[in-house]
């Protein structure tokens, strides 16, 4: 297999592992708000997270050989730089949003702001890496943040936002590692996230 394609698959597996974890965090938060401490639900979330993580790990172990081959390529270095800037910007935006919302007396909008910012951060990554699932993930999270507070009881505090975010991240993880639906080839193998 072409080392660039193999490295891309390894990179997507790393991203899927992170999505499995962060999706589980959102789903646990949802479960605690919706059900309280419900061992069966929390166990199901744990099983789902581990299953997705192991599926991604299998793909990573299969293709990790290619990561070293492309590690010093200009495309990989460019991809790492873009990824670091976009993720750094995401965390700064989250910090600013939380600070502003708390200081203006609107802490109930914090989760909505975070969902929106997380969604928005996928768009430049999709553009940089030509990875269509980043657009789908980002667009879905943005749409969720823009719609659910206005159509659900309890508005921005409705746990459906937490459930939706976790589900979108898990779905995106699966789309990165399930054979046959991994999307169009990216221009860079470092498009993991």
N, C-alpha and C. Protein backbone atom coordinates (compact mmCIF):
# COMPACT_ATOMS: atom_id res chain seq x y z
N UNK A 1 0.85 -1.18 0.00
CA UNK A 1 0.00 0.00 0.00
C UNK A 1 0.89 1.23 0.00
N UNK A 2 0.42 2.26 -0.70
CA UNK A 2 1.10 3.54 -0.75
C UNK A 2 1.28 4.07 0.68
N UNK A 3 2.50 4.49 1.07
CA UNK A 3 2.72 4.99 2.43
C UNK A 3 1.85 6.19 2.80
N UNK A 4 1.53 7.06 1.84
CA UNK A 4 0.68 8.20 2.15
C UNK A 4 -0.74 7.77 2.53
N UNK A 5 -1.26 6.80 1.78
CA UNK A 5 -2.61 6.29 2.07
C UNK A 5 -2.60 5.55 3.41
N UNK A 6 -1.58 4.75 3.65
CA UNK A 6 -1.49 4.01 4.91
C UNK A 6 -1.33 4.97 6.09
N UNK A 7 -0.52 6.00 5.94
CA UNK A 7 -0.34 6.98 7.01
C UNK A 7 -1.64 7.74 7.27
N UNK A 8 -2.36 8.01 6.21
CA UNK A 8 -3.67 8.67 6.37
C UNK A 8 -4.62 7.80 7.19
N UNK A 9 -4.63 6.50 6.91
CA UNK A 9 -5.49 5.60 7.68
C UNK A 9 -5.05 5.54 9.15
N UNK A 10 -3.76 5.56 9.39
CA UNK A 10 -3.26 5.56 10.76
C UNK A 10 -3.64 6.87 11.46
N UNK A 11 -3.53 7.98 10.75
CA UNK A 11 -3.91 9.27 11.32
C UNK A 11 -5.39 9.35 11.65
N UNK A 12 -6.21 8.83 10.78
CA UNK A 12 -7.65 8.82 11.05
C UNK A 12 -7.98 7.92 12.24
N UNK A 13 -7.22 6.87 12.40
CA UNK A 13 -7.43 5.99 13.55
C UNK A 13 -7.11 6.72 14.85
N UNK A 14 -6.05 7.51 14.86
CA UNK A 14 -5.71 8.30 16.05
C UNK A 14 -6.85 9.27 16.36
N UNK A 15 -7.37 9.93 15.34
CA UNK A 15 -8.50 10.83 15.54
C UNK A 15 -9.71 10.09 16.08
N UNK A 16 -9.98 8.90 15.55
CA UNK A 16 -11.13 8.13 16.01
C UNK A 16 -10.98 7.72 17.47
N UNK A 17 -9.75 7.44 17.89
CA UNK A 17 -9.52 7.10 19.30
C UNK A 17 -9.85 8.29 20.19
N UNK A 18 -9.46 9.46 19.76
CA UNK A 18 -9.78 10.67 20.54
C UNK A 18 -11.28 10.94 20.53
N UNK A 19 -11.92 10.75 19.38
CA UNK A 19 -13.37 10.95 19.30
C UNK A 19 -14.11 9.95 20.19
N UNK A 20 -13.60 8.72 20.27
CA UNK A 20 -14.22 7.72 21.14
C UNK A 20 -14.19 8.22 22.58
N UNK A 21 -13.06 8.77 23.00
CA UNK A 21 -12.92 9.27 24.36
C UNK A 21 -13.81 10.50 24.60
N UNK A 22 -13.67 11.52 23.74
CA UNK A 22 -14.43 12.75 23.96
C UNK A 22 -15.93 12.53 23.77
N UNK A 23 -16.31 11.66 22.85
CA UNK A 23 -17.72 11.31 22.71
C UNK A 23 -18.26 10.69 23.99
N UNK A 24 -17.45 9.82 24.60
CA UNK A 24 -17.86 9.19 25.86
C UNK A 24 -18.00 10.23 26.97
N UNK A 25 -17.12 11.22 27.00
CA UNK A 25 -17.22 12.27 28.02
C UNK A 25 -18.56 12.99 27.90
N UNK A 26 -18.93 13.38 26.68
CA UNK A 26 -20.21 14.06 26.47
C UNK A 26 -21.38 13.15 26.82
N UNK A 27 -21.27 11.87 26.48
CA UNK A 27 -22.37 10.93 26.76
C UNK A 27 -22.50 10.65 28.25
N UNK A 28 -21.40 10.58 28.96
CA UNK A 28 -21.46 10.40 30.41
C UNK A 28 -22.11 11.62 31.05
N UNK A 29 -21.72 12.80 30.60
CA UNK A 29 -22.33 14.04 31.11
C UNK A 29 -23.84 14.02 30.88
N UNK A 30 -24.24 13.63 29.64
CA UNK A 30 -25.67 13.50 29.32
C UNK A 30 -26.35 12.51 30.26
N UNK A 31 -25.75 11.33 30.41
CA UNK A 31 -26.34 10.28 31.23
C UNK A 31 -26.52 10.75 32.67
N UNK A 32 -25.52 11.40 33.22
CA UNK A 32 -25.61 11.87 34.60
C UNK A 32 -26.72 12.90 34.77
N UNK A 33 -26.89 13.76 33.78
CA UNK A 33 -27.96 14.76 33.86
C UNK A 33 -29.34 14.15 33.63
N UNK A 34 -29.42 13.20 32.72
CA UNK A 34 -30.72 12.66 32.33
C UNK A 34 -31.19 11.55 33.27
N UNK A 35 -30.29 10.65 33.63
CA UNK A 35 -30.65 9.49 34.44
C UNK A 35 -30.13 9.55 35.87
N UNK A 36 -29.19 10.46 36.15
CA UNK A 36 -28.48 10.39 37.41
C UNK A 36 -27.44 9.29 37.30
N UNK A 37 -27.05 8.74 38.42
CA UNK A 37 -26.07 7.65 38.37
C UNK A 37 -26.82 6.36 38.00
N UNK A 38 -26.70 5.99 36.75
CA UNK A 38 -27.36 4.78 36.22
C UNK A 38 -26.27 3.83 35.73
N UNK A 39 -25.88 2.87 36.55
CA UNK A 39 -24.76 1.99 36.19
C UNK A 39 -24.90 1.31 34.83
N UNK A 40 -26.11 0.90 34.47
CA UNK A 40 -26.29 0.21 33.18
C UNK A 40 -26.00 1.14 32.02
N UNK A 41 -26.47 2.37 32.10
CA UNK A 41 -26.24 3.34 31.02
C UNK A 41 -24.76 3.69 30.95
N UNK A 42 -24.15 3.94 32.10
CA UNK A 42 -22.72 4.27 32.13
C UNK A 42 -21.89 3.11 31.61
N UNK A 43 -22.28 1.89 31.94
CA UNK A 43 -21.57 0.71 31.44
C UNK A 43 -21.71 0.61 29.92
N UNK A 44 -22.90 0.88 29.41
CA UNK A 44 -23.11 0.83 27.96
C UNK A 44 -22.24 1.87 27.25
N UNK A 45 -22.15 3.04 27.84
CA UNK A 45 -21.29 4.08 27.25
C UNK A 45 -19.84 3.61 27.28
N UNK A 46 -19.43 3.02 28.39
CA UNK A 46 -18.06 2.50 28.50
C UNK A 46 -17.78 1.43 27.46
N UNK A 47 -18.72 0.53 27.27
CA UNK A 47 -18.55 -0.54 26.27
C UNK A 47 -18.45 0.06 24.87
N UNK A 48 -19.32 1.03 24.57
CA UNK A 48 -19.28 1.68 23.26
C UNK A 48 -17.96 2.39 23.02
N UNK A 49 -17.47 3.11 24.03
CA UNK A 49 -16.20 3.83 23.88
C UNK A 49 -15.05 2.86 23.66
N UNK A 50 -15.02 1.79 24.42
CA UNK A 50 -13.95 0.80 24.28
C UNK A 50 -14.03 0.12 22.92
N UNK A 51 -15.22 -0.20 22.46
CA UNK A 51 -15.37 -0.86 21.16
C UNK A 51 -14.85 0.04 20.03
N UNK A 52 -15.24 1.31 20.05
CA UNK A 52 -14.77 2.24 19.01
C UNK A 52 -13.26 2.42 19.12
N UNK A 53 -12.77 2.57 20.35
CA UNK A 53 -11.34 2.74 20.57
C UNK A 53 -10.56 1.54 20.02
N UNK A 54 -11.04 0.34 20.31
CA UNK A 54 -10.33 -0.87 19.85
C UNK A 54 -10.38 -1.02 18.34
N UNK A 55 -11.49 -0.67 17.73
CA UNK A 55 -11.59 -0.69 16.27
C UNK A 55 -10.56 0.28 15.67
N UNK A 56 -10.46 1.45 16.26
CA UNK A 56 -9.49 2.44 15.78
C UNK A 56 -8.06 1.97 16.05
N UNK A 57 -7.82 1.40 17.22
CA UNK A 57 -6.49 0.90 17.56
C UNK A 57 -6.05 -0.18 16.57
N UNK A 58 -6.97 -1.03 16.20
CA UNK A 58 -6.66 -2.07 15.21
C UNK A 58 -6.18 -1.45 13.90
N UNK A 59 -6.90 -0.41 13.46
CA UNK A 59 -6.49 0.27 12.22
C UNK A 59 -5.14 0.95 12.40
N UNK A 60 -4.93 1.58 13.55
CA UNK A 60 -3.65 2.24 13.80
C UNK A 60 -2.51 1.23 13.77
N UNK A 61 -2.67 0.11 14.43
CA UNK A 61 -1.61 -0.90 14.47
C UNK A 61 -1.34 -1.48 13.08
N UNK A 62 -2.36 -1.55 12.26
CA UNK A 62 -2.19 -2.07 10.90
C UNK A 62 -1.36 -1.13 10.03
N UNK A 63 -1.56 0.17 10.22
CA UNK A 63 -0.94 1.15 9.31
C UNK A 63 0.11 2.04 9.95
N UNK A 64 0.47 1.79 11.20
CA UNK A 64 1.41 2.70 11.88
C UNK A 64 2.78 2.73 11.22
N UNK A 65 3.14 1.67 10.52
CA UNK A 65 4.43 1.62 9.84
C UNK A 65 4.63 2.81 8.92
N UNK A 66 3.54 3.31 8.37
CA UNK A 66 3.65 4.39 7.38
C UNK A 66 3.87 5.75 8.02
N UNK A 67 3.50 5.91 9.28
CA UNK A 67 3.66 7.22 9.93
C UNK A 67 5.11 7.67 9.94
N UNK A 68 6.02 6.76 10.23
CA UNK A 68 7.45 7.11 10.26
C UNK A 68 7.96 7.48 8.87
N UNK A 69 7.40 6.85 7.84
CA UNK A 69 7.86 7.12 6.47
C UNK A 69 7.49 8.52 6.00
N UNK A 70 6.41 9.07 6.53
CA UNK A 70 5.97 10.39 6.06
C UNK A 70 6.16 11.49 7.11
N UNK A 71 6.77 11.14 8.24
CA UNK A 71 6.87 12.07 9.37
C UNK A 71 7.58 13.37 9.02
N UNK A 72 8.57 13.31 8.16
CA UNK A 72 9.34 14.52 7.84
C UNK A 72 8.92 15.17 6.52
N UNK A 73 7.84 14.70 5.94
CA UNK A 73 7.40 15.29 4.67
C UNK A 73 6.83 16.69 4.91
N UNK A 74 6.95 17.58 3.92
CA UNK A 74 6.40 18.92 4.08
C UNK A 74 4.89 18.91 4.34
N UNK A 75 4.17 17.99 3.72
CA UNK A 75 2.72 17.91 3.94
C UNK A 75 2.39 17.56 5.39
N UNK A 76 3.14 16.61 5.95
CA UNK A 76 2.90 16.21 7.33
C UNK A 76 3.22 17.34 8.29
N UNK A 77 4.34 18.01 8.06
CA UNK A 77 4.72 19.14 8.93
C UNK A 77 3.69 20.26 8.83
N UNK A 78 3.22 20.54 7.63
CA UNK A 78 2.19 21.57 7.44
C UNK A 78 0.91 21.16 8.16
N UNK A 79 0.53 19.88 8.03
CA UNK A 79 -0.67 19.39 8.69
C UNK A 79 -0.60 19.51 10.20
N UNK A 80 0.56 19.15 10.76
CA UNK A 80 0.75 19.27 12.21
C UNK A 80 0.64 20.71 12.67
N UNK A 81 1.22 21.61 11.89
CA UNK A 81 1.19 23.03 12.25
C UNK A 81 -0.25 23.56 12.22
N UNK A 82 -0.99 23.24 11.18
CA UNK A 82 -2.39 23.68 11.08
C UNK A 82 -3.21 23.08 12.23
N UNK A 83 -3.02 21.80 12.47
CA UNK A 83 -3.75 21.15 13.54
C UNK A 83 -3.47 21.83 14.88
N UNK A 84 -2.22 22.10 15.17
CA UNK A 84 -1.87 22.74 16.44
C UNK A 84 -2.48 24.13 16.57
N UNK A 85 -2.44 24.92 15.51
CA UNK A 85 -3.01 26.27 15.56
C UNK A 85 -4.53 26.22 15.73
N UNK A 86 -5.18 25.36 14.98
CA UNK A 86 -6.63 25.27 15.06
C UNK A 86 -7.07 24.78 16.44
N UNK A 87 -6.41 23.76 16.96
CA UNK A 87 -6.78 23.27 18.28
C UNK A 87 -6.45 24.26 19.38
N UNK A 88 -5.32 24.94 19.26
CA UNK A 88 -5.00 25.99 20.22
C UNK A 88 -6.04 27.10 20.19
N UNK A 89 -6.45 27.48 18.99
CA UNK A 89 -7.49 28.50 18.85
C UNK A 89 -8.81 28.06 19.43
N UNK A 90 -9.12 26.77 19.28
CA UNK A 90 -10.36 26.23 19.85
C UNK A 90 -10.36 26.39 21.37
N UNK A 91 -9.27 26.02 22.03
CA UNK A 91 -9.21 26.11 23.49
C UNK A 91 -9.24 27.56 23.97
N UNK A 92 -8.60 28.45 23.23
CA UNK A 92 -8.66 29.87 23.58
C UNK A 92 -10.10 30.37 23.44
N UNK A 93 -10.76 30.00 22.35
CA UNK A 93 -12.15 30.42 22.14
C UNK A 93 -13.07 29.89 23.23
N UNK A 94 -12.86 28.65 23.64
CA UNK A 94 -13.67 28.07 24.72
C UNK A 94 -13.45 28.86 26.01
N UNK A 95 -12.20 29.15 26.33
CA UNK A 95 -11.89 29.91 27.54
C UNK A 95 -12.55 31.28 27.52
N UNK A 96 -12.45 31.97 26.40
CA UNK A 96 -13.05 33.30 26.27
C UNK A 96 -14.57 33.21 26.39
N UNK A 97 -15.17 32.25 25.70
CA UNK A 97 -16.64 32.10 25.74
C UNK A 97 -17.12 31.82 27.16
N UNK A 98 -16.46 30.90 27.84
CA UNK A 98 -16.86 30.57 29.21
C UNK A 98 -16.70 31.78 30.12
N UNK A 99 -15.60 32.48 29.99
CA UNK A 99 -15.36 33.68 30.81
C UNK A 99 -16.43 34.74 30.56
N UNK A 100 -16.73 35.00 29.30
CA UNK A 100 -17.73 36.02 28.97
C UNK A 100 -19.11 35.60 29.47
N UNK A 101 -19.48 34.35 29.25
CA UNK A 101 -20.81 33.89 29.66
C UNK A 101 -20.97 33.89 31.18
N UNK A 102 -19.96 33.50 31.89
CA UNK A 102 -20.03 33.52 33.36
C UNK A 102 -20.10 34.96 33.86
N UNK A 103 -19.26 35.83 33.30
CA UNK A 103 -19.20 37.22 33.78
C UNK A 103 -20.39 38.07 33.36
N UNK A 104 -21.15 37.61 32.37
CA UNK A 104 -22.34 38.36 31.96
C UNK A 104 -23.62 37.73 32.51
N UNK A 105 -23.46 36.72 33.36
CA UNK A 105 -24.62 36.12 33.99
C UNK A 105 -25.40 35.14 33.13
N UNK A 106 -24.74 34.52 32.16
CA UNK A 106 -25.41 33.57 31.27
C UNK A 106 -24.68 32.22 31.21
N UNK A 107 -24.37 31.63 32.36
CA UNK A 107 -23.63 30.37 32.33
C UNK A 107 -24.40 29.21 31.70
N UNK A 108 -25.72 29.35 31.59
CA UNK A 108 -26.52 28.28 30.99
C UNK A 108 -26.18 28.07 29.51
N UNK A 109 -25.52 29.03 28.89
CA UNK A 109 -25.16 28.93 27.47
C UNK A 109 -23.76 28.35 27.25
N UNK A 110 -23.07 27.98 28.31
CA UNK A 110 -21.69 27.49 28.16
C UNK A 110 -21.62 26.25 27.28
N UNK A 111 -22.46 25.25 27.55
CA UNK A 111 -22.36 24.02 26.75
C UNK A 111 -22.69 24.28 25.29
N UNK A 112 -23.63 25.17 25.03
CA UNK A 112 -23.97 25.51 23.64
C UNK A 112 -22.77 26.14 22.95
N UNK A 113 -22.12 27.07 23.65
CA UNK A 113 -20.95 27.73 23.08
C UNK A 113 -19.84 26.72 22.80
N UNK A 114 -19.62 25.80 23.72
CA UNK A 114 -18.57 24.80 23.52
C UNK A 114 -18.90 23.90 22.33
N UNK A 115 -20.14 23.46 22.24
CA UNK A 115 -20.54 22.62 21.10
C UNK A 115 -20.31 23.37 19.79
N UNK A 116 -20.71 24.65 19.75
CA UNK A 116 -20.53 25.45 18.54
C UNK A 116 -19.05 25.59 18.19
N UNK A 117 -18.22 25.92 19.19
CA UNK A 117 -16.79 26.13 18.94
C UNK A 117 -16.12 24.83 18.49
N UNK A 118 -16.46 23.72 19.14
CA UNK A 118 -15.89 22.43 18.73
C UNK A 118 -16.29 22.13 17.28
N UNK A 119 -17.55 22.38 16.95
CA UNK A 119 -17.98 22.17 15.57
C UNK A 119 -17.23 23.07 14.59
N UNK A 120 -17.10 24.33 14.95
CA UNK A 120 -16.42 25.28 14.06
C UNK A 120 -14.95 24.91 13.84
N UNK A 121 -14.33 24.33 14.82
CA UNK A 121 -12.90 24.00 14.66
C UNK A 121 -12.67 22.90 13.63
N UNK A 122 -13.70 22.10 13.34
CA UNK A 122 -13.54 21.06 12.32
C UNK A 122 -13.50 21.62 10.91
N UNK A 123 -14.09 22.79 10.69
CA UNK A 123 -14.18 23.31 9.32
C UNK A 123 -12.82 23.66 8.73
N UNK A 124 -11.94 24.40 9.43
CA UNK A 124 -10.63 24.63 8.82
C UNK A 124 -9.80 23.35 8.69
N UNK A 125 -10.03 22.39 9.59
CA UNK A 125 -9.31 21.13 9.45
C UNK A 125 -9.79 20.37 8.22
N UNK A 126 -11.09 20.42 7.97
CA UNK A 126 -11.62 19.79 6.76
C UNK A 126 -11.04 20.41 5.50
N UNK A 127 -10.95 21.74 5.50
CA UNK A 127 -10.39 22.44 4.35
C UNK A 127 -8.90 22.13 4.18
N UNK A 128 -8.18 22.14 5.27
CA UNK A 128 -6.74 21.91 5.20
C UNK A 128 -6.41 20.49 4.76
N UNK A 129 -7.20 19.53 5.20
CA UNK A 129 -6.88 18.13 4.94
C UNK A 129 -7.78 17.47 3.91
N UNK A 130 -8.72 18.23 3.34
CA UNK A 130 -9.63 17.69 2.32
C UNK A 130 -10.31 16.42 2.83
N UNK A 131 -10.77 16.48 4.07
CA UNK A 131 -11.41 15.32 4.70
C UNK A 131 -12.88 15.67 4.91
N UNK A 132 -13.76 15.09 4.09
CA UNK A 132 -15.17 15.48 4.09
C UNK A 132 -15.87 15.21 5.42
N UNK A 133 -15.42 14.22 6.19
CA UNK A 133 -16.09 13.95 7.47
C UNK A 133 -15.89 15.07 8.47
N UNK A 134 -14.82 15.84 8.32
CA UNK A 134 -14.65 17.00 9.21
C UNK A 134 -15.75 18.02 8.94
N UNK A 135 -16.12 18.21 7.69
CA UNK A 135 -17.22 19.13 7.36
C UNK A 135 -18.54 18.62 7.92
N UNK A 136 -18.77 17.34 7.78
CA UNK A 136 -20.02 16.75 8.27
C UNK A 136 -20.08 16.85 9.80
N UNK A 137 -18.99 16.49 10.45
CA UNK A 137 -18.94 16.57 11.92
C UNK A 137 -19.11 18.00 12.38
N UNK A 138 -18.31 18.90 11.81
CA UNK A 138 -18.40 20.31 12.20
C UNK A 138 -19.76 20.91 11.93
N UNK A 139 -20.30 20.67 10.75
CA UNK A 139 -21.61 21.20 10.40
C UNK A 139 -22.70 20.66 11.29
N UNK A 140 -22.61 19.37 11.63
CA UNK A 140 -23.62 18.76 12.51
C UNK A 140 -23.57 19.36 13.91
N UNK A 141 -22.38 19.56 14.44
CA UNK A 141 -22.25 20.15 15.77
C UNK A 141 -22.73 21.60 15.79
N UNK A 142 -22.38 22.35 14.75
CA UNK A 142 -22.84 23.75 14.67
C UNK A 142 -24.36 23.79 14.59
N UNK A 143 -24.94 22.95 13.73
CA UNK A 143 -26.40 22.92 13.61
C UNK A 143 -27.06 22.53 14.93
N UNK A 144 -26.48 21.57 15.61
CA UNK A 144 -27.01 21.17 16.91
C UNK A 144 -27.00 22.35 17.88
N UNK A 145 -25.88 23.06 17.95
CA UNK A 145 -25.77 24.21 18.86
C UNK A 145 -26.74 25.33 18.50
N UNK A 146 -27.00 25.51 17.22
CA UNK A 146 -27.89 26.59 16.79
C UNK A 146 -29.37 26.25 16.92
N UNK A 147 -29.71 24.97 16.97
CA UNK A 147 -31.12 24.58 16.96
C UNK A 147 -31.63 24.11 18.32
N UNK A 148 -30.92 23.18 18.96
CA UNK A 148 -31.54 22.54 20.13
C UNK A 148 -31.93 23.50 21.25
N UNK A 149 -31.17 24.57 21.53
CA UNK A 149 -31.59 25.44 22.65
C UNK A 149 -32.94 26.11 22.42
N UNK A 150 -33.36 26.20 21.17
CA UNK A 150 -34.58 26.93 20.83
C UNK A 150 -35.78 26.02 20.57
N UNK A 151 -35.56 24.70 20.54
CA UNK A 151 -36.67 23.79 20.24
C UNK A 151 -36.90 22.75 21.33
N UNK A 152 -36.11 22.77 22.37
CA UNK A 152 -36.26 21.77 23.43
C UNK A 152 -36.68 22.43 24.74
N UNK A 153 -37.40 21.70 25.57
CA UNK A 153 -37.69 22.23 26.90
C UNK A 153 -36.37 22.43 27.64
N UNK A 154 -36.30 23.42 28.48
CA UNK A 154 -35.09 23.78 29.25
C UNK A 154 -34.05 24.46 28.39
N UNK A 155 -34.35 24.70 27.12
CA UNK A 155 -33.45 25.47 26.25
C UNK A 155 -32.01 24.98 26.26
N UNK A 156 -31.07 25.88 26.53
CA UNK A 156 -29.66 25.51 26.43
C UNK A 156 -29.22 24.48 27.46
N UNK A 157 -30.00 24.29 28.51
CA UNK A 157 -29.64 23.31 29.53
C UNK A 157 -30.23 21.93 29.27
N UNK A 158 -30.96 21.77 28.17
CA UNK A 158 -31.53 20.47 27.86
C UNK A 158 -30.39 19.48 27.57
N UNK A 159 -30.42 18.30 28.17
CA UNK A 159 -29.34 17.34 27.96
C UNK A 159 -29.24 16.78 26.55
N UNK A 160 -30.21 17.07 25.70
CA UNK A 160 -30.14 16.56 24.32
C UNK A 160 -28.90 17.10 23.60
N UNK A 161 -28.44 18.29 23.97
CA UNK A 161 -27.22 18.82 23.37
C UNK A 161 -26.01 17.97 23.70
N UNK A 162 -25.96 17.47 24.92
CA UNK A 162 -24.87 16.59 25.34
C UNK A 162 -24.94 15.26 24.60
N UNK A 163 -26.14 14.70 24.54
CA UNK A 163 -26.36 13.43 23.83
C UNK A 163 -25.98 13.57 22.36
N UNK A 164 -26.46 14.64 21.73
CA UNK A 164 -26.17 14.85 20.31
C UNK A 164 -24.69 15.00 20.04
N UNK A 165 -23.99 15.73 20.90
CA UNK A 165 -22.56 15.94 20.70
C UNK A 165 -21.80 14.62 20.80
N UNK A 166 -22.11 13.84 21.83
CA UNK A 166 -21.45 12.55 21.98
C UNK A 166 -21.73 11.63 20.80
N UNK A 167 -22.98 11.60 20.36
CA UNK A 167 -23.35 10.73 19.24
C UNK A 167 -22.66 11.16 17.96
N UNK A 168 -22.58 12.47 17.71
CA UNK A 168 -21.92 12.96 16.50
C UNK A 168 -20.43 12.59 16.52
N UNK A 169 -19.78 12.74 17.66
CA UNK A 169 -18.36 12.40 17.74
C UNK A 169 -18.14 10.90 17.54
N UNK A 170 -19.00 10.08 18.12
CA UNK A 170 -18.86 8.63 17.91
C UNK A 170 -19.13 8.25 16.46
N UNK A 171 -20.14 8.84 15.86
CA UNK A 171 -20.44 8.55 14.46
C UNK A 171 -19.25 8.93 13.58
N UNK A 172 -18.68 10.09 13.85
CA UNK A 172 -17.52 10.54 13.08
C UNK A 172 -16.35 9.58 13.27
N UNK A 173 -16.15 9.11 14.49
CA UNK A 173 -15.07 8.14 14.74
C UNK A 173 -15.28 6.89 13.90
N UNK A 174 -16.50 6.39 13.89
CA UNK A 174 -16.78 5.19 13.12
C UNK A 174 -16.57 5.41 11.62
N UNK A 175 -16.93 6.59 11.14
CA UNK A 175 -16.76 6.88 9.72
C UNK A 175 -15.28 6.96 9.33
N UNK A 176 -14.42 7.16 10.30
CA UNK A 176 -12.99 7.23 10.03
C UNK A 176 -12.31 5.87 10.04
N UNK A 177 -12.98 4.86 10.59
CA UNK A 177 -12.30 3.56 10.70
C UNK A 177 -13.08 2.37 10.13
N UNK A 178 -14.35 2.56 9.80
CA UNK A 178 -15.10 1.45 9.22
C UNK A 178 -14.74 1.33 7.74
N UNK A 179 -14.25 0.17 7.32
CA UNK A 179 -13.86 0.00 5.91
C UNK A 179 -15.00 0.32 4.95
N UNK A 180 -14.66 0.99 3.87
CA UNK A 180 -15.64 1.30 2.84
C UNK A 180 -16.35 2.63 3.00
N UNK A 181 -16.25 3.26 4.18
CA UNK A 181 -16.90 4.56 4.37
C UNK A 181 -15.94 5.58 4.96
N UNK A 182 -14.69 5.45 4.65
CA UNK A 182 -13.72 6.34 5.25
C UNK A 182 -13.58 7.67 4.52
N UNK A 183 -14.31 7.87 3.48
CA UNK A 183 -14.28 9.17 2.83
C UNK A 183 -13.19 9.30 1.79
N UNK A 184 -13.20 10.44 1.16
CA UNK A 184 -12.22 10.71 0.12
C UNK A 184 -10.83 10.84 0.72
N UNK A 185 -9.83 10.47 -0.06
CA UNK A 185 -8.46 10.55 0.40
C UNK A 185 -8.08 11.99 0.67
N UNK A 186 -7.43 12.22 1.77
CA UNK A 186 -6.99 13.57 2.14
C UNK A 186 -5.68 13.88 1.44
N UNK A 187 -5.32 15.16 1.44
CA UNK A 187 -4.08 15.57 0.81
C UNK A 187 -2.91 15.36 1.74
N UNK A 188 -3.14 15.07 2.99
CA UNK A 188 -2.07 14.93 3.94
C UNK A 188 -2.35 13.76 4.87
N UNK A 189 -1.32 13.00 5.22
CA UNK A 189 -1.53 11.88 6.12
C UNK A 189 -1.73 12.31 7.56
N UNK A 190 -1.51 13.54 7.89
CA UNK A 190 -1.58 13.96 9.29
C UNK A 190 -2.92 14.56 9.64
N UNK A 191 -3.96 14.21 8.88
CA UNK A 191 -5.29 14.77 9.08
C UNK A 191 -6.08 14.08 10.17
N UNK A 192 -5.41 13.44 11.10
CA UNK A 192 -6.08 12.60 12.09
C UNK A 192 -7.27 13.25 12.75
N UNK A 193 -7.21 14.50 13.08
CA UNK A 193 -8.29 15.13 13.81
C UNK A 193 -8.93 16.18 12.96
